[in-house]
Structures are given as C-alpha cells and as structure tokens.
Amino acid sequence: MTAPIGTFCLVLHTHLPWLAHHGRWPVGEEWLHQAWSQSYLPLTAMLTGLAERGQRDVLTIGVTPVLAAQLDDPYCVSEQHRWLADWALRADDLSGHRDPVMRSLGTQESRRARQATRVFERDWLHGGAPVWRSLVDAETIELLGGPATHPVLPLLRDPVADLALAAGLDDGVRRWGRRPAGIWLPECAYRPGLEQLLARHGVQRLMLDGPSLQHVGATTGRPWLLGDSDIAVVGRDLDVTYRVWSPRRGYPGGRWYRDFHSYHHASGFKLFRVTGSHLPPEQKAPYDQERAIRAVREDVEDFVGVVTRRLGDIAAEQGRPGLVVAAYDTELFGHWWHEGVQWLAGVLQRLREVGVRLTTLSRAVERVEIAGVMHPERSSWGLGKDLAIWEGPAVKDMLDDQLWAQDTLLGAVRSREPRPLGHEAWLDELAEQVLLACASDWPFMVSHDSSADYARERLAGHIRAVGHLAASGQRTAGQRTAGQRTAGSPSASPFGGVDARLLATPSSPTGPSGCRGDAQDRVPPGSVR
C-alpha cells in the first residue's frame, strides 16, 4: 500500500433547539420531523451499512445534548412515527394524480416514505441513543458532545458555562455510555481563556473556523494546541467547505437538484428542480431523479478533485502530508439538499479510492503532527466571523434578557447559602429554563430574519418561566422534593440531570459579559508560537 496523500476529516454538526410542545407547523415540531426523516434516518442508515462492511474512522458527528434528548423522548418518537405515516398517506394520494408526471413523482415519494418508515421501525423506535452508540461501538464514527442547550459560551457567565458543559457532557455518559472527550463548540465561538474552562471538563479536542486560525497566522493544514492548554484544535478549511455550501456556487444550487423552496401546494411536497437560481417557483421544471443522480456523480468527482488538490498544496507547503477539515450542519444532507446523503456516500468512497485517508477528529489529532501553540482572538463561524449575530444591535435586548436570567439563577443560588446547598427541585428547574433561554438559536434566528417572531416568543417564554420559578421557588423553598415540578413551569423537560448545586462553587469571577480576565496569559491573544 502507498502512503496516503493526506488526511480528510469530515465533521458534521447535528442540532435543533428544543421544539417538543412548542408549536407544530410551520415552525416548531415540524422542523424536527423533517430533519429526522430526511437527514438523520438516511445518514445513519448509510453509516450502518459502512459499519457492517467493516469501515472504521469514517467521520465525526457532533450531536447536541438538546437534540439527543428529543431523539430519545418517547413523545417525540411517537410523533415522528405518526408523521412518517402521514407522509406515506399523502404520497399515496399524489401517486393517483391524473397528470403522469405528478403521478410518477408521487410514486417516488411513496417509495421514500415507506423506506424511511422501515428504517425508523427497525432502528429508532427505542430512540436515537442506541443508533449513535452502535456506530461508535463499531468505531465507524466519533461522537462529539457539547454544552447542554447549545449556548454561545463566550456570552455566558462562567458558573453558568460550567453548568452547561457539565450537564451536556454528563448527558453523553447517560445516553452513549461514555463521556465525550471532543466537543462541538457552539457556533465555533471562542474567547481568550475559554480553553481553561473547557480543560476543567476534560475536553481534549475541538474545531474552530478557519479564519480564527488564519487571523493569528496559523494554518488549517495541521492541528494546534489551544492557548495555555493541552486541547487540540483543528481549523475548518473554508475553501473546501464552501465548495459544497455556498450561496453563490455550492452544489445544492445546481439546476438538476430538487428545489428546497418550491412546493406543490396541493400535496405539500417539493416536486420541482432548481432549474435556475433566479426563476420564480411557477417556472421551475419537474424534478428528474435520473438526471439528479448524474449530477451527484459529477459533483462527487469535482469535490474529490478539490480535496486532493488542496492536500497537494499543503504537502508542497509543509513538506509532509497534511490535513483538510470540512464541516457542515448535518441537516444539509437530505433535508436542505435532497441528494446530499447520496453525494456524501459517493465522496467517502471515492476519497478512499484515490488514496486519501478518511479519519475522525481524534485520529486526525493522533496522526498529524501538532504544529505548535496558537492563541486565537474572540471569534465564531458566523457572518463576519465575530459574535455580532448573538450580541449585535438587532439582538442586544435578547442578550440582556439572557444575562438577566443567568444573574437571577446565580442570585437564587447565593440566597440558599452559606449553608450547604441541598437538592432543591425548583433550583434545578430554574437552571434548566436559564439554559434553554441561553440557546444560541434565538438570537441567530432574529439576526437572520428566519422565523424571528417564533424565536422571540420562545426566549420570552423561557424568561417568563425563569421569573416565575425564581419568585415562587424562593417563597416555597424546602416544601418540594427532588422530582416535583413547579406549577406553571413547562411540562416538558429536555434533561433529567441539570443539578443547580454545581453553581454553589463557582469556578472563577466573571466580567460584565461572562468573560474572565486573562492578564496572566504568557502569550497575548492574537499570536502563535
């Protein structure tokens, strides 16, 4: 066997906010049902096939604790099964359409619905944890954990960030039987000194966006050590990543692929192809499955060429085989991009065939020599590569509410001291509602004007719950036992393990926006050594 021309690490980010019992359609639980049926089912079925064929170290998947909780929740599982049955019934109705083109498309949709139902009934009726765990046990994937509700860690008070990480990583132990050593850092959001908090929780590796490294003179072709820690960090290669997901030139916008935005209103299905990026929906042509499959093959070959050329450039620059990391939202494959899972399967096969080593994040860190130590600045993978999406003028009021909620929680904990803090259910509920309020999704949706009213309503609901719990809990503290929920608080709970007692011993002082001072850094932020 010849030596590989380089290493390719694919990292997928699997996340939705807590949606159960918070709206159904057009926003709410429908998001979960669509992503589950169109992305999670076909993706895990494809990976299960690779596992059965003995393929190891294929890719890395981050599954956020708040999504993992929904994929295991009995209510969500039952509603997903019901949704799949409704999908099949609607497809059957379309397959009897008088127009032969619509009839053919209905038959295809019916076939897809029944296949998805078979996979769901075979693998998912007991929740998602057994599915993910089987793939980890087969060493086909590496699972990344993360803080409980996907908050932007640089914008949290340090004690709350500690709680979010502890709750999220402990949740991984309960669901998957192991504590994740790698995490998906929410929004790839970093601030100097954050690595100290992560290291205390046993985090060993993570990914940042490429510009976070490049801005301080680091390259994405090799791993680095993060700040004054032993945490390994890799950088997302934007040139490679954007070949797939770019609003201007990404593959999903190809004219032969199924159009995400155009619906056949009578059935609710997406039955048209992109045709042309600037055409109105009524001018879109019907979807042609055979031609779309040919487009997948063409784009597989194009992407493999992009990766191999990039690896060749890195090898020429470094004098040794290098690393390319590409990262995407899991929901891109299948949900946003109908043909995405087929494309992904083709890429994984072809990269192996041309001599590229596929591996997971942990194996990449083991196999590719560490380049040195880097000290990134405050950054994210958002527009502008800063934190403006979550703290800018459009959402400043939302950040103020999130900070108020955190301070209310910390004040409630302090009010129970100096005596030893017992296990009080109302404090656990309060902590859970604060974590839900601090999810990064709410300001993100407002900044992008995507279901902004829903996002503001969700945050407002959690803020109201925080106020109610803080007031009623203080009045009746000690009258409830663990496991009892406060009247008036939301009936559905993502987690059973949020323990507010962890807040009684905050790890370090916090600044006005939850950031520690870093005056003791041996090397200033924004440098590489």
Protein backbone atom coordinates (compact mmCIF):
# COMPACT_ATOMS: atom_id res chain seq x y z
CA MET A 1 0.00 0.00 0.00
CA THR A 2 1.23 3.50 -0.80
CA ALA A 3 1.22 6.23 1.81
CA PRO A 4 -1.94 8.39 1.81
CA ILE A 5 -1.68 11.71 0.02
CA GLY A 6 -3.16 13.35 3.10
CA THR A 7 -5.92 13.15 5.69
CA PHE A 8 -9.52 14.29 5.26
CA CYS A 9 -11.69 14.80 8.33
CA LEU A 10 -15.42 15.40 7.85
CA VAL A 11 -17.20 16.89 10.87
CA LEU A 12 -21.00 17.10 10.98
CA HIS A 13 -22.93 19.29 13.41
CA THR A 14 -26.32 17.83 14.37
CA HIS A 15 -28.50 20.31 16.19
CA LEU A 16 -32.01 21.64 16.64
CA PRO A 17 -33.30 23.63 19.62
CA TRP A 18 -35.87 22.15 22.00
CA LEU A 19 -39.05 22.01 19.91
CA ALA A 20 -41.28 19.46 21.64
CA HIS A 21 -44.58 21.02 22.79
CA HIS A 22 -43.53 24.38 21.32
CA GLY A 23 -45.52 24.75 18.12
CA ARG A 24 -46.08 22.29 15.30
CA TRP A 25 -46.32 23.89 11.84
CA PRO A 26 -44.95 25.85 10.04
CA VAL A 27 -42.42 26.31 12.86
CA GLY A 28 -41.91 24.03 15.82
CA GLU A 29 -42.06 20.24 15.83
CA GLU A 30 -42.28 20.09 12.02
CA TRP A 31 -38.59 21.06 11.90
CA LEU A 32 -37.70 18.02 13.98
CA HIS A 33 -39.85 15.66 11.91
CA GLN A 34 -38.41 16.84 8.60
CA ALA A 35 -34.78 16.73 9.76
CA TRP A 36 -35.28 13.34 11.41
CA SER A 37 -36.87 11.72 8.36
CA GLN A 38 -34.83 13.39 5.62
CA SER A 39 -31.38 13.66 7.25
CA TYR A 40 -30.91 11.54 10.36
CA LEU A 41 -32.60 8.39 9.06
CA PRO A 42 -30.81 8.14 5.68
CA LEU A 43 -27.47 9.30 7.10
CA THR A 44 -27.39 6.73 9.90
CA ALA A 45 -28.65 4.02 7.53
CA MET A 46 -25.74 4.79 5.20
CA LEU A 47 -23.26 4.75 8.08
CA THR A 48 -24.72 1.49 9.41
CA GLY A 49 -24.06 -0.05 6.01
CA LEU A 50 -20.44 1.11 6.18
CA ALA A 51 -20.12 -0.29 9.72
CA GLU A 52 -21.44 -3.66 8.58
CA ARG A 53 -18.76 -3.68 5.88
CA GLY A 54 -16.10 -3.06 8.50
CA GLN A 55 -15.27 0.56 7.68
CA ARG A 56 -13.74 2.43 10.60
CA ASP A 57 -12.93 6.08 11.38
CA VAL A 58 -15.25 7.38 8.66
CA LEU A 59 -16.35 10.73 10.08
CA THR A 60 -17.09 12.76 13.19
CA ILE A 61 -20.58 13.77 14.27
CA GLY A 62 -21.49 16.27 16.94
CA VAL A 63 -24.96 15.62 18.38
CA THR A 64 -26.01 18.37 20.75
CA PRO A 65 -27.48 17.20 24.05
CA VAL A 66 -30.71 19.12 23.47
CA LEU A 67 -31.27 17.32 20.15
CA ALA A 68 -30.21 13.94 21.57
CA ALA A 69 -32.84 14.43 24.27
CA GLN A 70 -35.55 14.91 21.64
CA LEU A 71 -34.44 11.88 19.62
CA ASP A 72 -34.83 9.78 22.80
CA ASP A 73 -38.01 11.41 24.11
CA PRO A 74 -41.00 8.99 24.00
CA TYR A 75 -43.37 11.75 22.90
CA CYS A 76 -41.05 12.82 20.06
CA VAL A 77 -40.50 9.22 18.94
CA SER A 78 -44.25 8.58 18.86
CA GLU A 79 -44.96 11.80 16.98
CA GLN A 80 -42.21 11.02 14.48
CA HIS A 81 -43.77 7.63 13.77
CA ARG A 82 -47.12 9.33 13.23
CA TRP A 83 -45.52 11.92 10.94
CA LEU A 84 -43.97 9.20 8.77
CA ALA A 85 -47.37 7.52 8.38
CA ASP A 86 -48.89 10.83 7.29
CA TRP A 87 -46.05 11.30 4.77
CA ALA A 88 -46.84 7.92 3.22
CA LEU A 89 -50.57 8.66 3.02
CA ARG A 90 -50.01 12.00 1.29
CA ALA A 91 -47.59 10.38 -1.14
CA ASP A 92 -50.10 7.63 -1.94
CA ASP A 93 -52.69 10.27 -2.72
CA LEU A 94 -50.29 12.05 -5.09
CA SER A 95 -49.43 8.77 -6.82
CA GLY A 96 -53.02 8.70 -8.09
CA HIS A 97 -52.73 12.14 -9.72
CA ARG A 98 -54.20 12.44 -13.23
CA ASP A 99 -51.01 14.10 -14.53
CA PRO A 100 -48.47 11.33 -15.37
CA VAL A 101 -45.50 13.45 -14.26
CA MET A 102 -47.09 14.19 -10.89
CA ARG A 103 -48.17 10.56 -10.63
CA SER A 104 -44.59 9.38 -11.17
CA LEU A 105 -43.25 11.83 -8.61
CA GLY A 106 -45.90 10.68 -6.15
CA THR A 107 -44.81 7.08 -6.63
CA GLN A 108 -41.20 8.05 -5.92
CA GLU A 109 -42.27 9.95 -2.80
CA SER A 110 -44.33 6.99 -1.60
CA ARG A 111 -41.32 4.71 -2.02
CA ARG A 112 -39.16 7.10 0.00
CA ALA A 113 -41.74 7.39 2.77
CA ARG A 114 -42.04 3.64 3.17
CA GLN A 115 -38.30 3.14 3.15
CA ALA A 116 -37.92 5.81 5.85
CA THR A 117 -40.65 4.11 7.91
CA ARG A 118 -38.90 0.73 7.63
CA VAL A 119 -35.61 2.25 8.81
CA PHE A 120 -37.34 4.08 11.66
CA GLU A 121 -39.18 0.97 12.84
CA ARG A 122 -36.04 -1.13 12.59
CA ASP A 123 -33.59 1.25 14.29
CA TRP A 124 -35.27 4.18 16.04
CA LEU A 125 -38.36 3.03 17.98
CA HIS A 126 -36.30 2.96 21.19
CA GLY A 127 -34.81 6.39 20.49
CA GLY A 128 -31.63 7.70 18.96
CA ALA A 129 -29.12 6.71 21.65
CA PRO A 130 -28.88 3.04 20.54
CA VAL A 131 -28.35 4.17 16.92
CA TRP A 132 -25.48 6.54 17.70
CA ARG A 133 -23.96 4.16 20.23
CA SER A 134 -23.89 1.25 17.78
CA LEU A 135 -21.96 3.37 15.28
CA VAL A 136 -19.49 4.44 17.97
CA ASP A 137 -19.07 0.85 19.18
CA ALA A 138 -18.31 -0.18 15.59
CA GLU A 139 -15.67 2.62 15.51
CA THR A 140 -17.29 3.96 12.34
CA ILE A 141 -17.88 7.42 13.81
CA GLU A 142 -16.64 9.59 16.62
CA LEU A 143 -19.33 11.42 18.59
CA LEU A 144 -18.78 14.94 19.88
CA GLY A 145 -20.64 16.29 22.88
CA GLY A 146 -21.18 19.86 23.96
CA PRO A 147 -22.89 22.18 26.42
CA ALA A 148 -26.47 21.25 27.16
CA THR A 149 -28.56 23.65 25.08
CA HIS A 150 -26.02 24.94 22.55
CA PRO A 151 -25.30 28.33 24.15
CA VAL A 152 -22.60 30.73 22.94
CA LEU A 153 -20.09 30.05 25.70
CA PRO A 154 -18.22 33.40 25.47
CA LEU A 155 -21.51 35.17 26.29
CA LEU A 156 -22.26 33.12 29.42
CA ARG A 157 -21.33 33.89 32.99
CA ASP A 158 -18.58 31.46 33.86
CA PRO A 159 -20.54 29.49 36.50
CA VAL A 160 -23.39 29.03 34.01
CA ALA A 161 -20.94 27.95 31.31
CA ASP A 162 -19.57 25.41 33.80
CA LEU A 163 -23.08 24.13 34.45
CA ALA A 164 -23.94 23.96 30.74
CA LEU A 165 -20.81 21.92 29.98
CA ALA A 166 -21.25 19.60 32.96
CA ALA A 167 -24.90 18.95 32.12
CA GLY A 168 -24.15 18.35 28.45
CA LEU A 169 -21.17 16.04 28.94
CA ASP A 170 -22.90 14.10 31.71
CA ASP A 171 -25.84 13.66 29.38
CA GLY A 172 -23.48 11.99 26.89
CA VAL A 173 -22.50 9.47 29.56
CA ARG A 174 -26.12 8.59 30.23
CA ARG A 175 -27.06 8.21 26.56
CA TRP A 176 -23.91 6.79 24.98
CA GLY A 177 -22.12 5.15 27.90
CA ARG A 178 -19.05 7.37 27.62
CA ARG A 179 -18.07 10.95 28.34
CA PRO A 180 -17.22 12.79 25.11
CA ALA A 181 -13.60 13.93 25.01
CA GLY A 182 -14.25 16.06 21.93
CA ILE A 183 -16.92 18.73 21.69
CA TRP A 184 -18.62 20.80 19.07
CA LEU A 185 -18.02 24.30 20.36
CA PRO A 186 -21.38 26.04 19.77
CA GLU A 187 -21.14 28.38 16.78
CA CYS A 188 -17.36 27.75 16.91
CA ALA A 189 -17.47 30.71 19.31
CA TYR A 190 -14.25 31.30 21.22
CA ARG A 191 -12.79 33.92 23.54
CA PRO A 192 -9.28 34.00 25.03
CA GLY A 193 -9.18 31.93 28.20
CA LEU A 194 -12.16 29.72 27.31
CA GLU A 195 -9.80 26.76 26.96
CA GLN A 196 -9.22 26.84 30.73
CA LEU A 197 -12.90 26.23 31.38
CA LEU A 198 -13.02 23.50 28.71
CA ALA A 199 -9.94 21.76 30.09
CA ARG A 200 -11.50 21.55 33.56
CA HIS A 201 -14.28 19.47 32.00
CA GLY A 202 -11.87 17.07 30.33
CA VAL A 203 -12.27 18.43 26.79
CA GLN A 204 -9.36 17.26 24.66
CA ARG A 205 -10.20 18.42 21.12
CA LEU A 206 -12.46 20.73 19.14
CA MET A 207 -12.74 22.63 15.88
CA LEU A 208 -12.66 26.36 15.18
CA ASP A 209 -13.43 28.11 11.94
CA GLY A 210 -10.51 28.58 9.57
CA PRO A 211 -10.36 32.39 9.84
CA SER A 212 -9.98 32.08 13.64
CA LEU A 213 -6.66 30.34 12.99
CA GLN A 214 -5.57 32.27 9.93
CA HIS A 215 -6.18 35.64 11.60
CA VAL A 216 -3.36 34.87 14.05
CA GLY A 217 -1.02 33.32 11.48
CA ALA A 218 -1.92 29.65 11.99
CA THR A 219 -2.73 27.31 9.11
CA THR A 220 -5.57 24.81 8.85
CA GLY A 221 -3.35 22.06 7.41
CA ARG A 222 -2.30 20.74 10.84
CA PRO A 223 -3.70 20.61 14.41
CA TRP A 224 -2.61 23.12 17.06
CA LEU A 225 -2.68 23.33 20.83
CA LEU A 226 -5.20 25.88 22.07
CA GLY A 227 -3.87 28.64 24.30
CA ASP A 228 -2.37 27.55 27.60
CA SER A 229 -3.88 24.08 27.50
CA ASP A 230 -3.40 20.62 26.05
CA ILE A 231 -6.59 20.90 24.00
CA ALA A 232 -6.01 20.13 20.33
CA VAL A 233 -7.79 22.36 17.84
CA VAL A 234 -8.24 21.94 14.10
CA GLY A 235 -9.46 24.58 11.66
CA ARG A 236 -12.28 24.25 9.15
CA ASP A 237 -10.94 24.70 5.62
CA LEU A 238 -13.33 27.24 4.11
CA ASP A 239 -12.18 26.85 0.51
CA VAL A 240 -13.05 23.15 0.61
CA THR A 241 -16.15 23.51 2.79
CA TYR A 242 -17.69 26.28 0.69
CA ARG A 243 -17.38 24.17 -2.46
CA VAL A 244 -20.45 22.41 -1.09
CA TRP A 245 -22.33 25.01 0.88
CA SER A 246 -22.01 28.44 -0.63
CA PRO A 247 -24.97 30.63 -1.61
CA ARG A 248 -23.20 31.53 -4.85
CA ARG A 249 -21.55 28.34 -6.08
CA GLY A 250 -22.36 25.42 -3.79
CA TYR A 251 -23.54 22.11 -5.20
CA PRO A 252 -27.08 22.15 -3.71
CA GLY A 253 -27.91 25.09 -6.01
CA GLY A 254 -27.24 23.00 -9.11
CA ARG A 255 -30.07 23.14 -11.65
CA TRP A 256 -30.78 19.38 -11.57
CA TYR A 257 -31.18 19.08 -7.82
CA ARG A 258 -34.54 19.17 -6.08
CA ASP A 259 -35.50 22.72 -5.16
CA PHE A 260 -35.90 23.22 -1.42
CA HIS A 261 -38.12 26.28 -1.60
CA SER A 262 -40.72 25.33 -4.25
CA TYR A 263 -43.74 23.33 -3.09
CA HIS A 264 -46.55 21.52 -4.87
CA HIS A 265 -49.19 23.18 -2.74
CA ALA A 266 -51.88 20.51 -3.07
CA SER A 267 -49.62 17.79 -1.63
CA GLY A 268 -47.04 19.81 0.32
CA PHE A 269 -44.17 18.04 -1.44
CA LYS A 270 -41.14 19.55 -3.14
CA LEU A 271 -41.55 18.21 -6.67
CA PHE A 272 -39.50 20.64 -8.73
CA ARG A 273 -35.84 21.02 -9.54
CA VAL A 274 -33.79 24.17 -9.07
CA THR A 275 -33.89 24.77 -12.85
CA GLY A 276 -32.44 28.29 -12.48
CA SER A 277 -31.45 30.18 -9.35
CA HIS A 278 -33.43 33.30 -10.25
CA LEU A 279 -36.59 31.67 -11.59
CA PRO A 280 -39.86 32.11 -9.69
CA PRO A 281 -41.47 28.90 -8.36
CA GLU A 282 -44.09 28.72 -11.11
CA GLN A 283 -41.34 28.45 -13.73
CA LYS A 284 -39.48 25.58 -12.07
CA ALA A 285 -39.33 22.31 -14.05
CA PRO A 286 -40.45 18.97 -12.55
CA TYR A 287 -37.82 17.01 -10.69
CA ASP A 288 -35.91 14.45 -12.78
CA GLN A 289 -34.46 11.82 -10.43
CA GLU A 290 -32.23 10.13 -13.02
CA ARG A 291 -30.65 13.41 -14.10
CA ALA A 292 -30.13 14.40 -10.46
CA ILE A 293 -28.23 11.16 -9.85
CA ARG A 294 -25.91 12.00 -12.74
CA ALA A 295 -25.34 15.45 -11.21
CA VAL A 296 -24.41 13.79 -7.91
CA ARG A 297 -21.72 11.72 -9.65
CA GLU A 298 -20.32 14.81 -11.35
CA ASP A 299 -20.19 16.78 -8.11
CA VAL A 300 -18.61 13.88 -6.24
CA GLU A 301 -15.74 13.89 -8.74
CA ASP A 302 -15.43 17.66 -8.53
CA PHE A 303 -15.23 17.64 -4.73
CA VAL A 304 -12.70 14.80 -4.67
CA GLY A 305 -10.59 16.86 -7.05
CA VAL A 306 -10.89 19.91 -4.78
CA VAL A 307 -9.77 17.90 -1.72
CA THR A 308 -6.84 16.18 -3.44
CA ARG A 309 -5.56 19.45 -4.92
CA ARG A 310 -5.80 21.11 -1.53
CA LEU A 311 -3.90 18.26 0.11
CA GLY A 312 -1.28 18.51 -2.62
CA ASP A 313 -0.83 22.21 -1.92
CA ILE A 314 -0.49 21.56 1.83
CA ALA A 315 2.10 18.84 1.24
CA ALA A 316 4.09 21.17 -1.01
CA GLU A 317 4.00 23.95 1.59
CA GLN A 318 4.77 21.78 4.64
CA GLY A 319 6.95 19.10 3.09
CA ARG A 320 4.69 16.40 4.52
CA PRO A 321 1.11 15.10 4.09
CA GLY A 322 -1.39 17.46 5.69
CA LEU A 323 -4.95 17.67 6.93
CA VAL A 324 -8.16 19.05 5.43
CA VAL A 325 -11.17 19.50 7.72
CA ALA A 326 -14.59 20.21 6.22
CA ALA A 327 -17.59 20.82 8.46
CA TYR A 328 -21.32 21.17 7.79
CA ASP A 329 -24.66 21.10 9.52
CA THR A 330 -25.93 17.52 9.32
CA GLU A 331 -29.31 18.80 8.21
CA LEU A 332 -27.74 19.96 4.94
CA PHE A 333 -27.59 16.35 3.82
CA GLY A 334 -31.05 15.11 2.88
CA HIS A 335 -33.15 17.94 4.31
CA TRP A 336 -31.78 21.11 2.72
CA TRP A 337 -30.07 19.18 -0.06
CA HIS A 338 -32.30 16.28 -1.09
CA GLU A 339 -29.47 14.37 -2.80
CA GLY A 340 -26.91 15.20 -0.10
CA VAL A 341 -26.65 11.76 1.53
CA GLN A 342 -26.08 10.13 -1.88
CA TRP A 343 -23.37 12.69 -2.58
CA LEU A 344 -21.79 12.10 0.81
CA ALA A 345 -21.69 8.32 0.32
CA GLY A 346 -20.03 8.80 -3.08
CA VAL A 347 -17.42 11.20 -1.67
CA LEU A 348 -16.47 8.84 1.17
CA GLN A 349 -15.98 6.01 -1.30
CA ARG A 350 -14.06 7.97 -3.93
CA LEU A 351 -11.70 9.65 -1.46
CA ARG A 352 -10.58 6.25 -0.23
CA GLU A 353 -10.14 5.06 -3.81
CA VAL A 354 -7.82 7.94 -4.75
CA GLY A 355 -5.59 7.49 -1.69
CA VAL A 356 -6.94 9.99 0.82
CA ARG A 357 -7.07 8.80 4.41
CA LEU A 358 -10.52 9.32 5.95
CA THR A 359 -10.48 9.70 9.68
CA THR A 360 -12.18 11.10 12.74
CA LEU A 361 -11.18 14.18 14.70
CA SER A 362 -9.44 12.14 17.40
CA ARG A 363 -7.47 10.08 14.87
CA ALA A 364 -6.53 13.18 12.91
CA VAL A 365 -5.02 14.69 16.05
CA GLU A 366 -3.10 11.46 16.68
CA ARG A 367 -1.80 11.02 13.13
CA VAL A 368 -0.99 14.57 12.01
CA GLU A 369 1.83 16.29 13.87
CA ILE A 370 0.84 19.22 16.10
CA ALA A 371 2.04 22.45 14.51
CA GLY A 372 2.52 24.44 17.70
CA VAL A 373 0.54 26.61 20.12
CA MET A 374 -1.95 29.23 18.98
CA HIS A 375 -3.85 31.95 20.82
CA PRO A 376 -6.93 32.89 18.78
CA GLU A 377 -8.89 36.06 19.32
CA ARG A 378 -12.60 36.35 20.03
CA SER A 379 -14.33 34.78 17.03
CA SER A 380 -17.01 32.45 15.65
CA TRP A 381 -18.09 30.86 12.37
CA GLY A 382 -20.91 33.39 11.98
CA LEU A 383 -21.15 36.16 9.41
CA GLY A 384 -18.23 38.49 9.97
CA LYS A 385 -16.52 35.74 12.00
CA ASP A 386 -17.28 37.65 15.20
CA LEU A 387 -20.13 37.41 17.74
CA ALA A 388 -22.34 40.11 16.25
CA ILE A 389 -25.11 37.66 15.34
CA TRP A 390 -25.58 36.90 19.05
CA GLU A 391 -24.75 40.26 20.64
CA GLY A 392 -25.18 42.90 17.92
CA PRO A 393 -27.68 45.78 17.96
CA ALA A 394 -30.51 43.71 16.45
CA VAL A 395 -30.40 41.26 19.35
CA LYS A 396 -28.91 43.33 22.16
CA ASP A 397 -32.21 43.15 24.06
CA MET A 398 -32.16 39.35 23.79
CA LEU A 399 -28.63 39.16 25.18
CA ASP A 400 -29.73 41.45 28.03
CA ASP A 401 -32.57 39.02 28.81
CA GLN A 402 -30.19 36.07 28.75
CA LEU A 403 -27.79 37.81 31.11
CA TRP A 404 -30.68 38.75 33.41
CA ALA A 405 -31.78 35.11 33.50
CA GLN A 406 -28.27 33.97 34.41
CA ASP A 407 -27.94 36.58 37.13
CA THR A 408 -31.35 35.59 38.51
CA LEU A 409 -30.22 31.99 38.73
CA LEU A 410 -26.92 32.86 40.38
CA GLY A 411 -28.73 35.14 42.82
CA ALA A 412 -31.15 32.35 43.72
CA VAL A 413 -28.24 30.02 44.42
CA ARG A 414 -26.49 32.61 46.58
CA SER A 415 -29.70 33.13 48.56
CA ARG A 416 -29.57 29.48 49.68
CA GLU A 417 -26.04 29.88 51.07
CA PRO A 418 -23.98 29.89 53.26
CA ARG A 419 -25.50 26.62 54.47
CA PRO A 420 -24.75 23.59 52.27
CA LEU A 421 -27.00 23.69 49.23
CA GLY A 422 -29.36 20.74 49.20
CA HIS A 423 -31.02 19.20 46.16
CA GLU A 424 -33.97 21.52 45.55
CA ALA A 425 -36.13 20.74 42.54
CA TRP A 426 -37.13 24.34 41.92
CA LEU A 427 -33.49 25.38 41.54
CA ASP A 428 -32.90 22.55 39.06
CA GLU A 429 -35.93 23.68 37.05
CA LEU A 430 -34.74 27.26 37.20
CA ALA A 431 -31.30 26.26 35.93
CA GLU A 432 -32.86 24.27 33.09
CA GLN A 433 -35.00 27.20 31.98
CA VAL A 434 -31.98 29.52 32.05
CA LEU A 435 -30.03 27.10 29.84
CA LEU A 436 -32.97 26.90 27.40
CA ALA A 437 -33.20 30.71 27.35
CA CYS A 438 -29.49 30.95 26.53
CA ALA A 439 -29.65 28.73 23.43
CA SER A 440 -27.80 30.37 20.55
CA ASP A 441 -30.74 29.67 18.22
CA TRP A 442 -32.98 32.51 19.35
CA PRO A 443 -30.72 35.48 18.51
CA PHE A 444 -29.40 33.63 15.44
CA MET A 445 -32.92 33.35 14.02
CA VAL A 446 -33.62 37.02 14.67
CA SER A 447 -30.34 38.20 13.16
CA HIS A 448 -31.05 36.13 10.03
CA ASP A 449 -34.75 37.10 9.96
CA SER A 450 -35.68 33.42 9.97
CA SER A 451 -38.89 32.80 11.96
CA ALA A 452 -37.84 35.75 14.10
CA ASP A 453 -41.24 36.08 15.82
CA TYR A 454 -41.09 32.44 16.90
CA ALA A 455 -37.56 32.94 18.26
CA ARG A 456 -38.55 36.00 20.27
CA GLU A 457 -41.63 34.21 21.62
CA ARG A 458 -39.54 31.22 22.66
CA LEU A 459 -37.00 33.35 24.51
CA ALA A 460 -39.76 35.38 26.14
CA GLY A 461 -41.45 32.18 27.31
CA HIS A 462 -38.29 30.89 28.96
CA ILE A 463 -37.64 34.29 30.54
CA ARG A 464 -41.17 34.28 31.99
CA ALA A 465 -40.56 30.79 33.36
CA VAL A 466 -37.31 31.99 34.97
CA GLY A 467 -39.13 34.85 36.68
CA HIS A 468 -41.97 32.62 37.86
CA LEU A 469 -39.69 29.90 39.19
CA ALA A 470 -37.40 32.37 40.96
CA ALA A 471 -40.35 34.10 42.68
CA SER A 472 -42.37 31.03 43.62
CA GLY A 473 -39.32 28.96 44.47
CA GLN A 474 -37.97 31.48 46.94
CA ARG A 475 -41.37 31.61 48.64
CA THR A 476 -41.75 27.86 48.95
CA ALA A 477 -38.14 26.63 49.08
CA GLY A 478 -37.83 23.38 51.00
CA GLN A 479 -41.50 22.42 50.59
CA ARG A 480 -40.86 20.31 47.47
CA THR A 481 -38.64 17.31 46.99
CA ALA A 482 -36.48 16.39 44.03
CA GLY A 483 -38.60 15.28 41.10
CA GLN A 484 -41.56 17.58 41.77
CA ARG A 485 -42.09 20.29 39.16
CA THR A 486 -43.29 23.78 39.96
CA ALA A 487 -46.85 24.61 39.00
CA GLY A 488 -46.87 26.85 35.96
CA SER A 489 -43.49 25.71 34.63
CA PRO A 490 -43.28 23.99 31.24
CA SER A 491 -44.43 20.37 31.42
CA ALA A 492 -41.79 19.01 29.03
CA SER A 493 -38.18 18.83 30.18
CA PRO A 494 -35.22 18.01 27.94
CA PHE A 495 -32.93 16.85 30.73
CA GLY A 496 -33.23 14.94 33.93
CA GLY A 497 -29.76 15.74 35.12
CA VAL A 498 -29.37 19.51 35.48
CA ASP A 499 -28.10 19.92 39.02
CA ALA A 500 -28.07 23.51 40.28
CA ARG A 501 -25.84 22.52 43.20
CA LEU A 502 -22.90 22.78 40.79
CA LEU A 503 -23.42 26.54 40.85
CA ALA A 504 -22.76 26.77 44.59
CA THR A 505 -18.99 26.67 43.97
CA PRO A 506 -18.36 28.98 41.01
CA SER A 507 -15.01 28.33 39.37
CA SER A 508 -13.84 31.89 38.85
CA PRO A 509 -15.00 35.50 38.84
CA THR A 510 -16.85 36.79 35.82
CA GLY A 511 -16.69 40.05 33.98
CA PRO A 512 -19.64 42.09 32.74
CA SER A 513 -20.38 39.67 29.87
CA GLY A 514 -19.27 36.45 31.48
CA CYS A 515 -15.63 36.65 30.37
CA ARG A 516 -12.73 36.07 32.73
CA GLY A 517 -9.79 38.41 32.68
CA ASP A 518 -6.68 36.85 31.16
CA ALA A 519 -3.93 39.14 32.43
CA GLN A 520 -1.78 36.12 33.33
CA ASP A 521 -1.58 34.80 29.75
CA ARG A 522 2.07 34.19 28.97
CA VAL A 523 1.44 34.96 25.28
CA PRO A 524 -1.11 37.65 24.36
CA PRO A 525 -4.26 36.73 22.39
CA GLY A 526 -3.85 37.03 18.68
CA SER A 527 -0.49 35.28 18.43
CA VAL A 528 1.06 31.97 17.52
CA ARG A 529 4.15 30.40 18.97
